[in-house]
Amino acid sequence: MVKIKELEASICTMIETAGSGHYASSLSALEIMYPLFYEQGVKPDEFILSKGHAAPALYAILYDLGYIKDLSGFRKWGGLPGHPELNVPGVLCSSGSLGMGISKALGLAYANPDKTYHVLVGDGELQEGQNWEAILYADAHKVKNVRVHVDVNHRQYSGLTRAVQHRWILPYFISFHETTWQHDNSYLCKPKDKDMTYSLALFAAMEKDNRIITLNADLEHDFGLTVIKQTFPERYIQCGISEAHMVSMANGLALAGMIPICHTFGAFYRRAVDQMYNNACDGLHVGYVAGLNDFGKVNIGKSHRASIIGDAYSFAGITCTDSIQYFFNNIKTEEGIYLEVP
């Protein structure tokens, strides 16, 4: 097992040098990818890493196989992006925004019926609804040349997967793997909440108005929402990796007289534009808080960049600038100081 230890070392070095990345997800993914590439002979043009945040695992393998020449620029501008992109040698499909890999594999499989494609998805990733649309299609059309491998590492960004979405369905899948990733615990520490400026403003608003309900799409720590979850558990909803569901659930809450405030990265609201439009048409009081809207110092990858969402949200008079923005339909805001709601 010398080779897998070398790959693990490459993963850890990449993330440590970059100062950011996903240790646990990359190491657990490697447990599945190693036998695929080194024992079963799967080639890079037959493999899709749908859980793109595990990119270091893929990059380590592609480096070892000679496709990539340098790993030192991981997450740096001009180097390897934080999530796989098509222009990286050996990468078959761009990924990072979760839930798309199975559908992409089905398209490739349809066009190349004599070729078998392997897709690696995460157990948390299965919360994205597009996975199930793809699985239903594959079942209805008896697709034989797509293999879906599920990395069951029991964890996602906000914590244990079972604590976010307790049950999910396995029988559709051709193979699933309960990964062990017995590694240095320093790589598996619980994420800490980041800048608390926004969450303190939200906390103050929720103290004043019990109609406000916080919804979160598995990004609790990026928005500093742990204090909200602990203080207002009955008004904190963890929706998991399900942005469209979150925005439409906000519709129902607003119809019931509550003031829901949604939270995810700006780029991921693109997955819920139709739902946001529907909320706007109904004239409901719904808040959309978006993070990671600037390019910053880290080359996190195109899938997570929100540079075009201003156009996507123009229908609701919503604009996007800076690192964290507060987008509200019929809700007034004063950025970074307090939130005023009707």
Foldseek 3Di string as FASTA:
>chain_A
DVVLVQLLVQLVVLQVLQVHAANVVLLLVLVVVVCVVPPVPDALLQEAEQQFSSVSNVVSVCCVVPQDPDSNQEQFVVDAASGDDPPRGSHNHTHNLHDCFLVVQVVVCVVPVVAAHEYEHEPLSVLEPNNVVSLVVCVVVVRDRYAYEYRDQQADQQGGSCVQPNDDDDPSHPYYDHGDSPDDCVSVDRDAADDCLQVVQVVVVCVVDVLEAEEEASPCRPHVNPVVCVPPVVRYHYSYNYLQVRLQVCLVSQVVVGQYAYEDALLNCVVNLVSVVVSLVVLTWYKYKHFQADCPRTSNDPSRHNPPCQVSCVVQVFHDDDGIDITTRQWDQDPSPHGGGD
